[in-house]
C-alpha atoms as a PDB file:
ATOM      1  CA  MET A   1     -14.422   5.905   4.092  1.00  0.00           C
ATOM      2  CA  SER A   2     -10.872   4.727   4.250  1.00  0.00           C
ATOM      3  CA  MET A   3      -9.763   1.567   6.173  1.00  0.00           C
ATOM      4  CA  PHE A   4      -7.728   3.607   8.785  1.00  0.00           C
ATOM      5  CA  TYR A   5     -10.619   5.966   9.505  1.00  0.00           C
ATOM      6  CA  ILE A   6     -13.091   3.174  10.179  1.00  0.00           C
ATOM      7  CA  SER A   7     -10.729   1.071  12.215  1.00  0.00           C
ATOM      8  CA  GLY A   8      -9.695   4.215  14.082  1.00  0.00           C
ATOM      9  CA  GLN A   9     -13.221   5.186  15.020  1.00  0.00           C
ATOM     10  CA  SER A  10     -14.234   1.695  16.162  1.00  0.00           C
ATOM     11  CA  TYR A  11     -10.987   1.441  18.367  1.00  0.00           C
ATOM     12  CA  LEU A  12     -11.510   5.083  19.891  1.00  0.00           C
ATOM     13  CA  ASN A  13     -14.054   3.968  22.802  1.00  0.00           C
ATOM     14  CA  THR A  14     -11.765   0.991  23.817  1.00  0.00           C
ATOM     15  CA  PHE A  15      -8.788   3.252  23.840  1.00  0.00           C
ATOM     16  CA  TYR A  16     -10.339   5.918  25.905  1.00  0.00           C
ATOM     17  CA  THR A  17     -11.633   3.452  28.417  1.00  0.00           C
ATOM     18  CA  ASP A  18      -8.764   0.986  28.706  1.00  0.00           C
ATOM     19  CA  VAL A  19      -5.698   2.939  27.860  1.00  0.00           C
ATOM     20  CA  LEU A  20      -6.589   6.480  29.176  1.00  0.00           C
ATOM     21  CA  ASN A  21      -8.609   5.251  32.004  1.00  0.00           C
ATOM     22  CA  LEU A  22     -11.761   7.526  31.287  1.00  0.00           C
ATOM     23  CA  THR A  23     -15.097   6.376  32.322  1.00  0.00           C
ATOM     24  CA  PRO A  24     -17.527   5.411  29.680  1.00  0.00           C
ATOM     25  CA  VAL A  25     -19.479   8.619  30.269  1.00  0.00           C
ATOM     26  CA  TRP A  26     -16.275  10.923  29.762  1.00  0.00           C
ATOM     27  CA  GLY A  27     -15.262   8.707  26.855  1.00  0.00           C
ATOM     28  CA  GLY A  28     -18.658   9.288  25.209  1.00  0.00           C
ATOM     29  CA  ALA A  29     -18.664  12.975  26.021  1.00  0.00           C
ATOM     30  CA  PHE A  30     -15.337  13.192  24.281  1.00  0.00           C
ATOM     31  CA  LEU A  31     -16.414  11.247  21.264  1.00  0.00           C
ATOM     32  CA  ALA A  32     -19.366  13.589  21.009  1.00  0.00           C
ATOM     33  CA  MET A  33     -17.150  16.862  21.103  1.00  0.00           C
ATOM     34  CA  LEU A  34     -14.376  15.515  18.996  1.00  0.00           C
ATOM     35  CA  PRO A  35     -16.144  16.167  15.676  1.00  0.00           C
ATOM     36  CA  ILE A  36     -17.146  19.666  16.779  1.00  0.00           C
ATOM     37  CA  VAL A  37     -13.655  20.518  17.918  1.00  0.00           C
ATOM     38  CA  SER A  38     -11.928  18.994  14.863  1.00  0.00           C
ATOM     39  CA  LYS A  39     -14.246  21.072  12.496  1.00  0.00           C
ATOM     40  CA  ILE A  40     -13.255  24.312  14.279  1.00  0.00           C
ATOM     41  CA  LEU A  41      -9.516  23.404  14.173  1.00  0.00           C
ATOM     42  CA  ASP A  42      -9.914  22.350  10.409  1.00  0.00           C
ATOM     43  CA  ALA A  43     -11.423  25.715   9.666  1.00  0.00           C
ATOM     44  CA  ILE A  44      -8.434  27.611  11.458  1.00  0.00           C
ATOM     45  CA  THR A  45      -5.800  25.399   9.769  1.00  0.00           C
ATOM     46  CA  ASN A  46      -7.208  25.835   6.348  1.00  0.00           C
ATOM     47  CA  LEU A  47      -7.124  29.644   6.619  1.00  0.00           C
ATOM     48  CA  VAL A  48      -3.519  29.489   7.883  1.00  0.00           C
ATOM     49  CA  MET A  49      -2.293  26.924   5.143  1.00  0.00           C
ATOM     50  CA  GLY A  50      -4.181  29.019   2.528  1.00  0.00           C
ATOM     51  CA  TRP A  51      -2.056  32.091   3.612  1.00  0.00           C
ATOM     52  CA  ILE A  52       1.089  30.020   3.581  1.00  0.00           C
ATOM     53  CA  VAL A  53       0.486  28.696   0.170  1.00  0.00           C
ATOM     54  CA  ASP A  54      -0.553  32.103  -1.121  1.00  0.00           C
ATOM     55  CA  HIS A  55       2.585  33.629   0.243  1.00  0.00           C
ATOM     56  CA  THR A  56       5.090  30.913  -0.855  1.00  0.00           C
ATOM     57  CA  GLN A  57       7.786  31.911  -3.160  1.00  0.00           C
ATOM     58  CA  SER A  58       8.488  28.956  -5.374  1.00  0.00           C
ATOM     59  CA  ARG A  59       8.521  28.085  -9.097  1.00  0.00           C
ATOM     60  CA  HIS A  60       5.077  26.477  -8.590  1.00  0.00           C
ATOM     61  CA  ALA A  61       3.489  29.569  -6.960  1.00  0.00           C
ATOM     62  CA  GLY A  62       1.000  31.966  -8.498  1.00  0.00           C
ATOM     63  CA  SER A  63      -2.773  32.517  -8.598  1.00  0.00           C
ATOM     64  CA  ALA A  64      -2.953  31.268 -12.199  1.00  0.00           C
ATOM     65  CA  ALA A  65      -1.330  28.181 -11.321  1.00  0.00           C
ATOM     66  CA  ILE A  66      -4.448  26.917  -9.127  1.00  0.00           C
ATOM     67  CA  ILE A  67      -6.718  27.385 -12.233  1.00  0.00           C
ATOM     68  CA  SER A  68      -4.476  26.083 -14.990  1.00  0.00           C
ATOM     69  CA  THR A  69      -3.730  22.279 -15.384  1.00  0.00           C
ATOM     70  CA  ARG A  70      -0.617  22.684 -17.475  1.00  0.00           C
ATOM     71  CA  GLU A  71       2.579  21.153 -16.076  1.00  0.00           C
ATOM     72  CA  GLU A  72       4.660  24.286 -15.830  1.00  0.00           C
ATOM     73  CA  ASN A  73       1.753  25.955 -13.787  1.00  0.00           C
ATOM     74  CA  ARG A  74       1.212  23.496 -11.018  1.00  0.00           C
ATOM     75  CA  PRO A  75      -0.378  24.763  -7.768  1.00  0.00           C
ATOM     76  CA  ALA A  76       2.034  25.995  -4.953  1.00  0.00           C
ATOM     77  CA  ALA A  77       0.897  23.151  -2.622  1.00  0.00           C
ATOM     78  CA  VAL A  78       2.425  20.478  -4.873  1.00  0.00           C
ATOM     79  CA  PRO A  79       5.779  20.112  -2.753  1.00  0.00           C
ATOM     80  CA  ALA A  80       3.774  19.926   0.320  1.00  0.00           C
ATOM     81  CA  CYS A  81       1.418  17.277  -1.039  1.00  0.00           C
ATOM     82  CA  THR A  82       4.236  14.984  -2.194  1.00  0.00           C
ATOM     83  CA  ILE A  83       5.649  14.900   1.324  1.00  0.00           C
ATOM     84  CA  GLU A  84       2.109  14.471   2.832  1.00  0.00           C
ATOM     85  CA  LYS A  85       1.098  11.321   1.161  1.00  0.00           C
ATOM     86  CA  PRO A  86       3.689   8.932   2.318  1.00  0.00           C
ATOM     87  CA  MET A  87       3.852  10.661   5.796  1.00  0.00           C
ATOM     88  CA  SER A  88       0.129  10.034   6.347  1.00  0.00           C
ATOM     89  CA  ARG A  89       0.460   6.263   5.445  1.00  0.00           C
ATOM     90  CA  ILE A  90       3.414   5.887   7.721  1.00  0.00           C
ATOM     91  CA  ALA A  91       1.430   7.626  10.616  1.00  0.00           C
ATOM     92  CA  GLY A  92      -1.497   5.399   9.855  1.00  0.00           C
ATOM     93  CA  LEU A  93       0.763   2.308  10.369  1.00  0.00           C
ATOM     94  CA  PHE A  94       2.370   3.651  13.605  1.00  0.00           C
ATOM     95  CA  LEU A  95      -1.239   4.216  14.873  1.00  0.00           C
ATOM     96  CA  PHE A  96      -1.695   0.516  15.471  1.00  0.00           C
ATOM     97  CA  ALA A  97       1.850  -0.586  15.876  1.00  0.00           C
ATOM     98  CA  GLY A  98       2.089  -0.225  19.652  1.00  0.00           C
ATOM     99  CA  CYS A  99       5.232   1.860  19.468  1.00  0.00           C
END
């Protein structure tokens, strides 16, 4: 597990009770429901993003590109993944920056 995940999970109960002013019971209920709701949302977004990648018209697109490992046949999601990596690191830093 990553450092951001572990530190985020340990801070959640304090955040819910101190910042959002939830009672410990509601904070615990939210922590119990969060994994279930996140898995449902993850399943929905995976289907939507799969559709978007399949219908993207770029030089990287194509069904054979996902199977092949050659440089000229990279998957269609390569442009999105190159943007996602630095953005997730920046979002992780802002999570604890108090902005």
